[in-house]
Amino acid sequence: MEEIKALLEKVPGIRFGFIDASLVKNQGDRESEVDITVLGGPDLVEMDEVISQVEEKLGRPFFITSFTVREFQERIKVKDEAVLRALKGPRIMLLGDEEEMKAALDAQA
């Protein structure tokens, strides 16, 4: 996970980033896609370049979903299943702090 974190840190505009903790515990098979959620306003071209590097290094497909903090908050309000699942399940913060993310999401409410 440190490799992913180090690469994501190079992308300006990401405030928070997290990954499903069940994948970290190897509960998914090696072929399954790894979902990463980022909040902020990153450059999507740079993000694609970083994800390509991560996939090449780790030999596993990655998928990043990017939201602004406001977009993520709106998805929570409308009870978007994917967003609620991401918040409900165990996760490992790659960028930012869990409490800081919760405060930012509450501030947007």
Protein backbone atom coordinates (compact mmCIF):
# COMPACT_ATOMS: atom_id res chain seq x y z
CA MET A 1 0.00 0.00 0.00
CA GLU A 2 2.93 2.33 0.57
CA GLU A 3 3.72 2.22 -3.16
CA ILE A 4 0.17 3.27 -4.02
CA LYS A 5 0.24 6.02 -1.42
CA ALA A 6 3.58 7.35 -2.66
CA LEU A 7 2.35 7.53 -6.24
CA LEU A 8 -0.99 9.14 -5.32
CA GLU A 9 0.83 11.78 -3.27
CA LYS A 10 2.37 12.98 -6.54
CA VAL A 11 -1.06 13.91 -7.95
CA PRO A 12 -2.00 17.46 -6.93
CA GLY A 13 -5.55 18.06 -5.79
CA ILE A 14 -6.26 14.87 -3.86
CA ARG A 15 -7.39 15.67 -0.30
CA PHE A 16 -8.36 12.15 0.74
CA GLY A 17 -7.88 8.70 -0.70
CA PHE A 18 -8.85 5.28 0.59
CA ILE A 19 -8.97 1.65 -0.40
CA ASP A 20 -11.20 -1.23 0.70
CA ALA A 21 -9.39 -2.87 3.63
CA SER A 22 -10.70 -6.36 2.74
CA LEU A 23 -8.49 -6.29 -0.36
CA VAL A 24 -5.50 -5.43 1.75
CA LYS A 25 -6.14 -8.55 3.80
CA ASN A 26 -6.04 -10.59 0.55
CA GLN A 27 -9.73 -11.44 0.65
CA GLY A 28 -9.98 -10.69 -3.07
CA ASP A 29 -8.23 -12.83 -5.64
CA ARG A 30 -5.11 -11.51 -7.32
CA GLU A 31 -7.01 -10.88 -10.57
CA SER A 32 -9.79 -8.78 -9.05
CA GLU A 33 -9.86 -5.04 -9.58
CA VAL A 34 -8.82 -2.85 -6.65
CA ASP A 35 -11.12 0.11 -6.07
CA ILE A 36 -9.64 3.34 -4.75
CA THR A 37 -11.79 6.35 -3.91
CA VAL A 38 -10.29 9.82 -3.94
CA LEU A 39 -11.84 13.11 -2.85
CA GLY A 40 -10.61 16.44 -4.12
CA GLY A 41 -9.98 17.86 -7.54
CA PRO A 42 -7.11 15.92 -9.08
CA ASP A 43 -6.00 16.19 -12.68
CA LEU A 44 -7.55 13.08 -14.22
CA VAL A 45 -4.81 12.70 -16.85
CA GLU A 46 -2.16 12.64 -14.11
CA MET A 47 -4.34 10.22 -12.15
CA ASP A 48 -4.51 7.84 -15.13
CA GLU A 49 -0.73 7.97 -15.48
CA VAL A 50 -0.28 7.14 -11.79
CA ILE A 51 -2.76 4.26 -11.96
CA SER A 52 -0.95 2.83 -14.98
CA GLN A 53 2.28 2.88 -12.96
CA VAL A 54 0.59 1.18 -9.99
CA GLU A 55 -0.94 -1.52 -12.19
CA GLU A 56 2.40 -2.18 -13.87
CA LYS A 57 4.29 -2.36 -10.57
CA LEU A 58 1.78 -4.55 -8.75
CA GLY A 59 0.45 -6.58 -11.66
CA ARG A 60 -3.14 -6.00 -10.69
CA PRO A 61 -5.92 -3.84 -12.17
CA PHE A 62 -6.86 -0.68 -10.27
CA PHE A 63 -9.89 1.54 -10.64
CA ILE A 64 -10.08 5.02 -9.16
CA THR A 65 -13.32 6.83 -8.51
CA SER A 66 -12.84 10.56 -8.04
CA PHE A 67 -15.26 12.99 -6.41
CA THR A 68 -15.06 16.51 -5.09
CA VAL A 69 -15.94 16.64 -1.40
CA ARG A 70 -19.26 18.27 -2.31
CA GLU A 71 -20.08 15.57 -4.91
CA PHE A 72 -19.33 12.84 -2.38
CA GLN A 73 -21.53 14.54 0.21
CA GLU A 74 -24.37 14.80 -2.32
CA ARG A 75 -24.03 11.08 -3.07
CA ILE A 76 -24.35 10.38 0.65
CA LYS A 77 -27.50 12.51 0.84
CA VAL A 78 -29.18 10.63 -2.02
CA LYS A 79 -28.08 7.32 -0.48
CA ASP A 80 -25.89 6.24 -3.40
CA GLU A 81 -25.26 2.55 -2.66
CA ALA A 82 -21.66 2.51 -3.86
CA VAL A 83 -20.72 5.56 -1.78
CA LEU A 84 -22.50 4.26 1.32
CA ARG A 85 -20.80 0.88 0.91
CA ALA A 86 -17.42 2.60 0.64
CA LEU A 87 -18.08 4.51 3.85
CA LYS A 88 -19.59 1.59 5.74
CA GLY A 89 -16.95 -1.04 5.03
CA PRO A 90 -13.47 -1.24 6.44
CA ARG A 91 -11.02 0.98 4.61
CA ILE A 92 -7.43 2.03 4.75
CA MET A 93 -6.70 5.70 4.29
CA LEU A 94 -4.01 6.26 1.69
CA LEU A 95 -4.12 10.06 1.78
CA GLY A 96 -5.51 12.26 4.51
CA ASP A 97 -6.87 11.26 7.87
CA GLU A 98 -10.14 9.47 8.64
CA GLU A 99 -11.32 12.07 11.16
CA GLU A 100 -10.28 14.93 8.91
CA MET A 101 -12.30 13.38 6.05
CA LYS A 102 -15.37 12.96 8.25
CA ALA A 103 -15.10 16.60 9.37
CA ALA A 104 -14.78 17.79 5.75
CA LEU A 105 -17.84 15.75 4.75
CA ASP A 106 -19.82 17.08 7.72
CA ALA A 107 -18.81 20.66 6.88
CA GLN A 108 -20.29 20.27 3.41
CA ALA A 109 -23.67 19.08 4.76
